[in-house]
Amino acid sequence: MIATLIANPHISSHSHSLVSSKTPSIVLRRGTLSDLDSILEIGLNAMPLDPQWDYRFPFRRVFSHDQRDATRKRYQEFLENAEQWSVSIAEIVDNHDAIPIAFAIWDIANLTGYNSQLTRVPALQPKKHTRRDANPKRMQAWTRILREAKVYYFERQYGSQQIQLQILATHPMFQRLGAGSRLVDEGIRLAKMSNNAISVFASPMGRRLYSKLGFKSIASVVVQVKDDPEFVSVEAMTYEPELPVLGPVKNQRARDLT
């Protein structure tokens, strides 16, 4: 299953010459914990282009430190738990310089057999909402509705025969160079090799890319809090490498399920 420019030591003035190159070379590799700062800067610059970001984090400009700290913690969890998450990095290469410009995070728990319920440590006290950049009610609605939509649209259809694209982000300075397509193509190859479908909740920008790569739209998922006029919509999409299905899924809005 979503930019304010922040100084990035990995994206220097030399990056502009790489962008202007007619045939930039892009290579993919597996992400490690040493990439945390790089993907953090990419994410903080790219994710605000997705409408759901400002919907969930309307105070991100006022409390930028909260946004940065919470995002860093989340990305660190992705990098540290290789049994559930696979992080791929796209780098633009010129001579001996390699600059991370995009990343993809895949939920591969169905491939590894990882069970988060078995490894989770019970909290002694209810977790409190402490980050000031977010709207708590919208965050709760986002988590609940997408969890329900994942079960209804993806798990009912494919069961454990799926991998999910959690995040795809390209730094705005390096968009339209093909990095996003390369990262998704890598996931498609994995899906074909493992006989799994791919699922994703796509932003408006992402929907165009995924459609070009063979993904199909299943439903528009609307996230809205009661008595809040603002809402956000994402597209439930899947890529099927000729898989058997468990049953039909109706095209309807996830908000109607609750």
C-alpha atoms as a PDB file:
ATOM      1  CA  MET A   1       0.000   0.000   0.000  1.00  0.00           C
ATOM      2  CA  ILE A   2       1.232   7.233  -0.535  1.00  0.00           C
ATOM      3  CA  ALA A   3       7.507  18.116  -0.920  1.00  0.00           C
ATOM      4  CA  THR A   4       9.361  20.282   1.342  1.00  0.00           C
ATOM      5  CA  LEU A   5      13.026  20.235   0.347  1.00  0.00           C
ATOM      6  CA  ILE A   6      15.332  19.301   3.207  1.00  0.00           C
ATOM      7  CA  ALA A   7      19.096  19.427   2.825  1.00  0.00           C
ATOM      8  CA  ASN A   8      20.385  16.026   1.759  1.00  0.00           C
ATOM      9  CA  PRO A   9      24.110  15.306   1.859  1.00  0.00           C
ATOM     10  CA  HIS A  10      23.610  12.659  -0.837  1.00  0.00           C
ATOM     11  CA  ILE A  11      21.928  15.083  -3.264  1.00  0.00           C
ATOM     12  CA  SER A  12      24.490  17.780  -4.029  1.00  0.00           C
ATOM     13  CA  SER A  13      24.994  20.310  -6.793  1.00  0.00           C
ATOM     14  CA  HIS A  14      26.612  17.520  -8.815  1.00  0.00           C
ATOM     15  CA  SER A  15      23.199  15.857  -8.888  1.00  0.00           C
ATOM     16  CA  HIS A  16      21.948  18.512 -11.277  1.00  0.00           C
ATOM     17  CA  SER A  17      24.507  17.465 -13.876  1.00  0.00           C
ATOM     18  CA  LEU A  18      23.365  13.856 -13.497  1.00  0.00           C
ATOM     19  CA  VAL A  19      19.750  14.873 -14.060  1.00  0.00           C
ATOM     20  CA  SER A  20      20.707  16.734 -17.224  1.00  0.00           C
ATOM     21  CA  SER A  21      22.514  13.686 -18.594  1.00  0.00           C
ATOM     22  CA  LYS A  22      20.751  12.311 -21.669  1.00  0.00           C
ATOM     23  CA  THR A  23      21.167   8.678 -20.653  1.00  0.00           C
ATOM     24  CA  PRO A  24      21.587   8.440 -16.879  1.00  0.00           C
ATOM     25  CA  SER A  25      22.439   4.975 -15.636  1.00  0.00           C
ATOM     26  CA  ILE A  26      20.111   3.655 -12.932  1.00  0.00           C
ATOM     27  CA  VAL A  27      21.005   0.600 -10.897  1.00  0.00           C
ATOM     28  CA  LEU A  28      19.011  -1.236  -8.259  1.00  0.00           C
ATOM     29  CA  ARG A  29      20.271  -2.811  -5.061  1.00  0.00           C
ATOM     30  CA  ARG A  30      19.007  -4.089  -1.748  1.00  0.00           C
ATOM     31  CA  GLY A  31      18.656  -1.444   0.953  1.00  0.00           C
ATOM     32  CA  THR A  32      20.490  -1.703   4.271  1.00  0.00           C
ATOM     33  CA  LEU A  33      20.383   0.216   7.528  1.00  0.00           C
ATOM     34  CA  SER A  34      23.153   2.459   6.199  1.00  0.00           C
ATOM     35  CA  ASP A  35      20.602   3.791   3.665  1.00  0.00           C
ATOM     36  CA  LEU A  36      18.313   5.154   6.377  1.00  0.00           C
ATOM     37  CA  ASP A  37      19.302   8.797   5.963  1.00  0.00           C
ATOM     38  CA  SER A  38      19.046   8.589   2.169  1.00  0.00           C
ATOM     39  CA  ILE A  39      15.558   7.085   2.044  1.00  0.00           C
ATOM     40  CA  LEU A  40      14.420   9.457   4.777  1.00  0.00           C
ATOM     41  CA  GLU A  41      15.336  12.469   2.643  1.00  0.00           C
ATOM     42  CA  ILE A  42      13.766  10.921  -0.435  1.00  0.00           C
ATOM     43  CA  GLY A  43      10.576  10.149   1.470  1.00  0.00           C
ATOM     44  CA  LEU A  44      10.294  13.562   3.121  1.00  0.00           C
ATOM     45  CA  ASN A  45      10.619  15.239  -0.267  1.00  0.00           C
ATOM     46  CA  ALA A  46       8.497  12.830  -2.316  1.00  0.00           C
ATOM     47  CA  MET A  47       5.623  11.784  -0.058  1.00  0.00           C
ATOM     48  CA  PRO A  48       3.997  15.247   0.237  1.00  0.00           C
ATOM     49  CA  LEU A  49       3.209  14.988  -3.487  1.00  0.00           C
ATOM     50  CA  ASP A  50       0.675  12.315  -2.486  1.00  0.00           C
ATOM     51  CA  PRO A  51      -2.629  13.916  -1.295  1.00  0.00           C
ATOM     52  CA  GLN A  52      -2.928  11.497   1.624  1.00  0.00           C
ATOM     53  CA  TRP A  53       0.219  12.972   3.190  1.00  0.00           C
ATOM     54  CA  ASP A  54      -1.244  16.414   3.858  1.00  0.00           C
ATOM     55  CA  TYR A  55      -4.556  14.798   4.792  1.00  0.00           C
ATOM     56  CA  ARG A  56      -2.945  12.745   7.548  1.00  0.00           C
ATOM     57  CA  PHE A  57      -0.249  15.259   8.494  1.00  0.00           C
ATOM     58  CA  PRO A  58      -1.841  18.713   8.173  1.00  0.00           C
ATOM     59  CA  PHE A  59       0.566  20.226  10.711  1.00  0.00           C
ATOM     60  CA  ARG A  60       3.775  18.835   9.208  1.00  0.00           C
ATOM     61  CA  ARG A  61       5.172  22.256   8.333  1.00  0.00           C
ATOM     62  CA  VAL A  62       4.686  23.550  11.869  1.00  0.00           C
ATOM     63  CA  PHE A  63       6.030  20.418  13.558  1.00  0.00           C
ATOM     64  CA  SER A  64       8.620  19.348  11.004  1.00  0.00           C
ATOM     65  CA  HIS A  65      10.793  17.710  13.676  1.00  0.00           C
ATOM     66  CA  ASP A  66       7.928  15.431  14.691  1.00  0.00           C
ATOM     67  CA  GLN A  67       7.411  14.459  11.077  1.00  0.00           C
ATOM     68  CA  ARG A  68      11.071  13.749  10.551  1.00  0.00           C
ATOM     69  CA  ASP A  69      11.505  11.741  13.759  1.00  0.00           C
ATOM     70  CA  ALA A  70       8.386   9.610  13.228  1.00  0.00           C
ATOM     71  CA  THR A  71       9.211   8.930   9.573  1.00  0.00           C
ATOM     72  CA  ARG A  72      12.784   8.011  10.432  1.00  0.00           C
ATOM     73  CA  LYS A  73      11.604   5.560  13.082  1.00  0.00           C
ATOM     74  CA  ARG A  74       9.188   3.924  10.657  1.00  0.00           C
ATOM     75  CA  TYR A  75      11.771   3.599   7.888  1.00  0.00           C
ATOM     76  CA  GLN A  76      14.240   2.138  10.358  1.00  0.00           C
ATOM     77  CA  GLU A  77      11.689  -0.558  11.206  1.00  0.00           C
ATOM     78  CA  PHE A  78      11.404  -1.396   7.520  1.00  0.00           C
ATOM     79  CA  LEU A  79      15.167  -1.761   7.168  1.00  0.00           C
ATOM     80  CA  GLU A  80      15.679  -3.762  10.351  1.00  0.00           C
ATOM     81  CA  ASN A  81      12.964  -6.367   9.770  1.00  0.00           C
ATOM     82  CA  ALA A  82      14.103  -8.181   6.639  1.00  0.00           C
ATOM     83  CA  GLU A  83      11.678 -11.053   7.295  1.00  0.00           C
ATOM     84  CA  GLN A  84       8.664  -8.860   6.680  1.00  0.00           C
ATOM     85  CA  TRP A  85       9.993  -6.025   4.534  1.00  0.00           C
ATOM     86  CA  SER A  86      12.191  -5.844   1.457  1.00  0.00           C
ATOM     87  CA  VAL A  87      13.686  -2.427   0.710  1.00  0.00           C
ATOM     88  CA  SER A  88      15.024  -1.744  -2.769  1.00  0.00           C
ATOM     89  CA  ILE A  89      17.117   1.309  -3.667  1.00  0.00           C
ATOM     90  CA  ALA A  90      17.445   2.913  -7.097  1.00  0.00           C
ATOM     91  CA  GLU A  91      20.677   4.832  -7.637  1.00  0.00           C
ATOM     92  CA  ILE A  92      21.720   7.099 -10.462  1.00  0.00           C
ATOM     93  CA  VAL A  93      25.326   6.402 -11.440  1.00  0.00           C
ATOM     94  CA  ASP A  94      27.862   8.594 -13.196  1.00  0.00           C
ATOM     95  CA  ASN A  95      31.505   7.529 -13.226  1.00  0.00           C
ATOM     96  CA  HIS A  96      32.205   6.615  -9.599  1.00  0.00           C
ATOM     97  CA  ASP A  97      29.281   8.528  -8.058  1.00  0.00           C
ATOM     98  CA  ALA A  98      26.140   6.665  -6.972  1.00  0.00           C
ATOM     99  CA  ILE A  99      23.276   8.721  -5.594  1.00  0.00           C
ATOM    100  CA  PRO A 100      20.122   7.105  -4.145  1.00  0.00           C
ATOM    101  CA  ILE A 101      17.121   8.699  -5.863  1.00  0.00           C
ATOM    102  CA  ALA A 102      14.206   6.329  -5.200  1.00  0.00           C
ATOM    103  CA  PHE A 103      13.162   3.389  -3.076  1.00  0.00           C
ATOM    104  CA  ALA A 104      10.452   0.759  -2.821  1.00  0.00           C
ATOM    105  CA  ILE A 105       9.289  -1.084   0.277  1.00  0.00           C
ATOM    106  CA  TRP A 106       7.601  -4.445  -0.182  1.00  0.00           C
ATOM    107  CA  ASP A 107       5.666  -6.491   2.350  1.00  0.00           C
ATOM    108  CA  ILE A 108       7.065  -9.984   1.761  1.00  0.00           C
ATOM    109  CA  ALA A 109       5.696 -11.673   4.901  1.00  0.00           C
ATOM    110  CA  ASN A 110       3.746 -14.163   2.785  1.00  0.00           C
ATOM    111  CA  LEU A 111       6.983 -15.262   1.109  1.00  0.00           C
ATOM    112  CA  THR A 112       9.023 -15.648   4.293  1.00  0.00           C
ATOM    113  CA  GLY A 113       6.272 -16.951   6.544  1.00  0.00           C
ATOM    114  CA  TYR A 114       6.778 -14.048   8.939  1.00  0.00           C
ATOM    115  CA  ASN A 115       3.987 -13.621  11.491  1.00  0.00           C
ATOM    116  CA  SER A 116       3.982 -10.248  13.205  1.00  0.00           C
ATOM    117  CA  GLN A 117       1.482 -11.439  15.799  1.00  0.00           C
ATOM    118  CA  LEU A 118       3.921 -14.068  17.059  1.00  0.00           C
ATOM    119  CA  THR A 119       6.862 -11.669  17.340  1.00  0.00           C
ATOM    120  CA  ARG A 120       5.073  -8.617  18.720  1.00  0.00           C
ATOM    121  CA  VAL A 121       5.844  -7.690  22.335  1.00  0.00           C
ATOM    122  CA  PRO A 122       2.627  -6.746  24.188  1.00  0.00           C
ATOM    123  CA  ALA A 123       2.551  -3.141  25.358  1.00  0.00           C
ATOM    124  CA  LEU A 124       2.217  -2.564  29.074  1.00  0.00           C
ATOM    125  CA  GLN A 125       0.100   0.536  28.521  1.00  0.00           C
ATOM    126  CA  PRO A 126      -2.056   1.751  25.613  1.00  0.00           C
ATOM    127  CA  LYS A 127       0.028   3.574  23.061  1.00  0.00           C
ATOM    128  CA  LYS A 128      -0.627   7.310  23.147  1.00  0.00           C
ATOM    129  CA  HIS A 129      -0.701   9.558  20.108  1.00  0.00           C
ATOM    130  CA  THR A 130       2.192  11.958  20.677  1.00  0.00           C
ATOM    131  CA  ARG A 131       3.247  13.266  17.252  1.00  0.00           C
ATOM    132  CA  ARG A 132       2.021  16.800  16.705  1.00  0.00           C
ATOM    133  CA  ASP A 133       2.248  16.884  12.911  1.00  0.00           C
ATOM    134  CA  ALA A 134      -0.669  14.485  12.439  1.00  0.00           C
ATOM    135  CA  ASN A 135      -4.441  14.576  12.809  1.00  0.00           C
ATOM    136  CA  PRO A 136      -5.150  11.672  15.235  1.00  0.00           C
ATOM    137  CA  LYS A 137      -8.671  10.908  13.998  1.00  0.00           C
ATOM    138  CA  ARG A 138      -7.594  10.890  10.376  1.00  0.00           C
ATOM    139  CA  MET A 139      -4.628   8.668  11.196  1.00  0.00           C
ATOM    140  CA  GLN A 140      -6.909   6.192  12.964  1.00  0.00           C
ATOM    141  CA  ALA A 141      -9.391   6.215  10.094  1.00  0.00           C
ATOM    142  CA  TRP A 142      -6.591   5.718   7.568  1.00  0.00           C
ATOM    143  CA  THR A 143      -5.215   2.705   9.412  1.00  0.00           C
ATOM    144  CA  ARG A 144      -8.611   1.122  10.052  1.00  0.00           C
ATOM    145  CA  ILE A 145     -10.111   1.598   6.591  1.00  0.00           C
ATOM    146  CA  LEU A 146      -7.001   0.452   4.719  1.00  0.00           C
ATOM    147  CA  ARG A 147      -6.709  -2.578   6.978  1.00  0.00           C
ATOM    148  CA  GLU A 148     -10.321  -3.492   6.202  1.00  0.00           C
ATOM    149  CA  ALA A 149      -9.833  -2.778   2.506  1.00  0.00           C
ATOM    150  CA  LYS A 150      -6.716  -4.956   2.410  1.00  0.00           C
ATOM    151  CA  VAL A 151      -8.688  -7.889   3.793  1.00  0.00           C
ATOM    152  CA  TYR A 152     -11.715  -7.316   1.581  1.00  0.00           C
ATOM    153  CA  TYR A 153     -10.072  -6.545  -1.735  1.00  0.00           C
ATOM    154  CA  PHE A 154      -6.744  -8.372  -1.522  1.00  0.00           C
ATOM    155  CA  GLU A 155      -6.782 -11.177   1.030  1.00  0.00           C
ATOM    156  CA  ARG A 156     -10.236 -12.466   0.054  1.00  0.00           C
ATOM    157  CA  GLN A 157      -9.050 -12.627  -3.527  1.00  0.00           C
ATOM    158  CA  TYR A 158      -5.528 -13.997  -3.170  1.00  0.00           C
ATOM    159  CA  GLY A 159      -5.129 -15.239   0.387  1.00  0.00           C
ATOM    160  CA  SER A 160      -1.431 -15.569   1.096  1.00  0.00           C
ATOM    161  CA  GLN A 161      -0.544 -15.560  -2.614  1.00  0.00           C
ATOM    162  CA  GLN A 162       0.408 -11.897  -2.707  1.00  0.00           C
ATOM    163  CA  ILE A 163       3.101  -9.402  -1.947  1.00  0.00           C
ATOM    164  CA  GLN A 164       2.182  -5.790  -1.259  1.00  0.00           C
ATOM    165  CA  LEU A 165       3.956  -2.664  -2.411  1.00  0.00           C
ATOM    166  CA  GLN A 166       3.905  -0.545   0.725  1.00  0.00           C
ATOM    167  CA  ILE A 167       5.814   2.554  -0.429  1.00  0.00           C
ATOM    168  CA  LEU A 168       7.238   3.744  -3.735  1.00  0.00           C
ATOM    169  CA  ALA A 169       9.001   7.125  -3.641  1.00  0.00           C
ATOM    170  CA  THR A 170      11.251   9.023  -6.031  1.00  0.00           C
ATOM    171  CA  HIS A 171      12.927  12.291  -5.110  1.00  0.00           C
ATOM    172  CA  PRO A 172      11.168  15.066  -7.118  1.00  0.00           C
ATOM    173  CA  MET A 173      14.508  16.143  -8.601  1.00  0.00           C
ATOM    174  CA  PHE A 174      14.861  12.724 -10.257  1.00  0.00           C
ATOM    175  CA  GLN A 175      11.335  11.896 -11.334  1.00  0.00           C
ATOM    176  CA  ARG A 176      10.537  10.778 -14.891  1.00  0.00           C
ATOM    177  CA  LEU A 177      13.889   9.048 -15.283  1.00  0.00           C
ATOM    178  CA  GLY A 178      12.410   5.564 -14.962  1.00  0.00           C
ATOM    179  CA  ALA A 179      13.513   4.753 -11.410  1.00  0.00           C
ATOM    180  CA  GLY A 180       9.979   4.053 -10.199  1.00  0.00           C
ATOM    181  CA  SER A 181       9.258   1.752 -13.140  1.00  0.00           C
ATOM    182  CA  ARG A 182      12.505  -0.130 -12.555  1.00  0.00           C
ATOM    183  CA  LEU A 183      11.644  -0.695  -8.903  1.00  0.00           C
ATOM    184  CA  VAL A 184       8.135  -1.930  -9.700  1.00  0.00           C
ATOM    185  CA  ASP A 185       9.460  -4.168 -12.492  1.00  0.00           C
ATOM    186  CA  GLU A 186      11.720  -5.803  -9.916  1.00  0.00           C
ATOM    187  CA  GLY A 187       8.662  -6.614  -7.821  1.00  0.00           C
ATOM    188  CA  ILE A 188       6.834  -7.962 -10.870  1.00  0.00           C
ATOM    189  CA  ARG A 189       9.717 -10.327 -11.592  1.00  0.00           C
ATOM    190  CA  LEU A 190       9.592 -11.543  -7.988  1.00  0.00           C
ATOM    191  CA  ALA A 191       5.838 -12.032  -8.230  1.00  0.00           C
ATOM    192  CA  LYS A 192       6.182 -14.116 -11.383  1.00  0.00           C
ATOM    193  CA  MET A 193       8.983 -16.237  -9.941  1.00  0.00           C
ATOM    194  CA  SER A 194       7.068 -16.912  -6.714  1.00  0.00           C
ATOM    195  CA  ASN A 195       3.626 -17.199  -8.348  1.00  0.00           C
ATOM    196  CA  ASN A 196       2.197 -14.330  -6.300  1.00  0.00           C
ATOM    197  CA  ALA A 197      -0.007 -11.370  -7.089  1.00  0.00           C
ATOM    198  CA  ILE A 198       1.012  -7.807  -6.231  1.00  0.00           C
ATOM    199  CA  SER A 199      -1.318  -5.478  -4.359  1.00  0.00           C
ATOM    200  CA  VAL A 200      -0.996  -1.749  -3.788  1.00  0.00           C
ATOM    201  CA  PHE A 201      -3.020   1.219  -2.593  1.00  0.00           C
ATOM    202  CA  ALA A 202      -2.111   3.775  -5.228  1.00  0.00           C
ATOM    203  CA  SER A 203      -2.018   7.561  -5.145  1.00  0.00           C
ATOM    204  CA  PRO A 204      -3.290   9.466  -8.210  1.00  0.00           C
ATOM    205  CA  MET A 205       0.291   9.763  -9.494  1.00  0.00           C
ATOM    206  CA  GLY A 206       1.060   6.138  -8.720  1.00  0.00           C
ATOM    207  CA  ARG A 207      -2.107   4.909 -10.413  1.00  0.00           C
ATOM    208  CA  ARG A 208      -0.900   6.156 -13.812  1.00  0.00           C
ATOM    209  CA  LEU A 209       2.436   4.383 -13.416  1.00  0.00           C
ATOM    210  CA  TYR A 210       0.962   1.100 -12.208  1.00  0.00           C
ATOM    211  CA  SER A 211      -1.632   1.070 -14.992  1.00  0.00           C
ATOM    212  CA  LYS A 212       1.134   1.379 -17.575  1.00  0.00           C
ATOM    213  CA  LEU A 213       2.914  -1.588 -15.973  1.00  0.00           C
ATOM    214  CA  GLY A 214      -0.121  -3.880 -16.162  1.00  0.00           C
ATOM    215  CA  PHE A 215      -1.874  -3.304 -12.840  1.00  0.00           C
ATOM    216  CA  LYS A 216      -5.683  -3.296 -12.757  1.00  0.00           C
ATOM    217  CA  SER A 217      -7.914  -1.104 -10.608  1.00  0.00           C
ATOM    218  CA  ILE A 218     -10.278  -2.920  -8.267  1.00  0.00           C
ATOM    219  CA  ALA A 219     -11.861  -0.146  -6.223  1.00  0.00           C
ATOM    220  CA  SER A 220     -11.567   3.404  -4.985  1.00  0.00           C
ATOM    221  CA  VAL A 221     -10.968   3.383  -1.240  1.00  0.00           C
ATOM    222  CA  VAL A 222     -12.232   6.518   0.488  1.00  0.00           C
ATOM    223  CA  VAL A 223     -10.907   7.547   3.883  1.00  0.00           C
ATOM    224  CA  GLN A 224     -13.073  10.038   5.752  1.00  0.00           C
ATOM    225  CA  VAL A 225     -13.769  10.824   9.388  1.00  0.00           C
ATOM    226  CA  LYS A 226     -17.364  11.374  10.456  1.00  0.00           C
ATOM    227  CA  ASP A 227     -18.323  15.063  10.432  1.00  0.00           C
ATOM    228  CA  ASP A 228     -15.023  15.955   8.736  1.00  0.00           C
ATOM    229  CA  PRO A 229     -15.618  17.424   5.257  1.00  0.00           C
ATOM    230  CA  GLU A 230     -12.112  16.494   4.108  1.00  0.00           C
ATOM    231  CA  PHE A 231     -11.394  13.061   2.676  1.00  0.00           C
ATOM    232  CA  VAL A 232      -8.780  11.268   0.634  1.00  0.00           C
ATOM    233  CA  SER A 233      -9.069   8.492  -1.918  1.00  0.00           C
ATOM    234  CA  VAL A 234      -6.602   5.813  -2.976  1.00  0.00           C
ATOM    235  CA  GLU A 235      -6.960   3.142  -5.614  1.00  0.00           C
ATOM    236  CA  ALA A 236      -6.820  -0.548  -4.736  1.00  0.00           C
ATOM    237  CA  MET A 237      -4.837  -2.125  -7.584  1.00  0.00           C
ATOM    238  CA  THR A 238      -3.426  -5.549  -8.336  1.00  0.00           C
ATOM    239  CA  TYR A 239      -1.047  -7.212 -10.735  1.00  0.00           C
ATOM    240  CA  GLU A 240      -1.860 -10.844 -11.514  1.00  0.00           C
ATOM    241  CA  PRO A 241       0.702 -13.197 -13.083  1.00  0.00           C
ATOM    242  CA  GLU A 242      -1.993 -15.755 -14.024  1.00  0.00           C
ATOM    243  CA  LEU A 243      -3.000 -16.813 -10.519  1.00  0.00           C
ATOM    244  CA  PRO A 244      -5.983 -18.894  -9.385  1.00  0.00           C
ATOM    245  CA  VAL A 245      -8.438 -16.761  -7.426  1.00  0.00           C
ATOM    246  CA  LEU A 246     -10.570 -17.632  -4.412  1.00  0.00           C
ATOM    247  CA  GLY A 247     -13.677 -15.721  -5.422  1.00  0.00           C
ATOM    248  CA  PRO A 248     -15.094 -12.586  -7.018  1.00  0.00           C
ATOM    249  CA  VAL A 249     -14.689  -9.156  -5.467  1.00  0.00           C
ATOM    250  CA  LYS A 250     -17.245  -6.429  -6.030  1.00  0.00           C
ATOM    251  CA  ASN A 251     -16.084  -2.966  -6.972  1.00  0.00           C
ATOM    252  CA  GLN A 252     -17.277  -0.717  -4.173  1.00  0.00           C
ATOM    253  CA  ARG A 253     -15.958   1.977  -1.866  1.00  0.00           C
ATOM    254  CA  ALA A 254     -14.224   0.740   1.263  1.00  0.00           C
ATOM    255  CA  ARG A 255     -16.123   3.342   3.293  1.00  0.00           C
ATOM    256  CA  ASP A 256     -19.297   1.362   2.510  1.00  0.00           C
ATOM    257  CA  LEU A 257     -17.890  -1.680   4.318  1.00  0.00           C
ATOM    258  CA  THR A 258     -18.037  -0.007   7.736  1.00  0.00           C
END
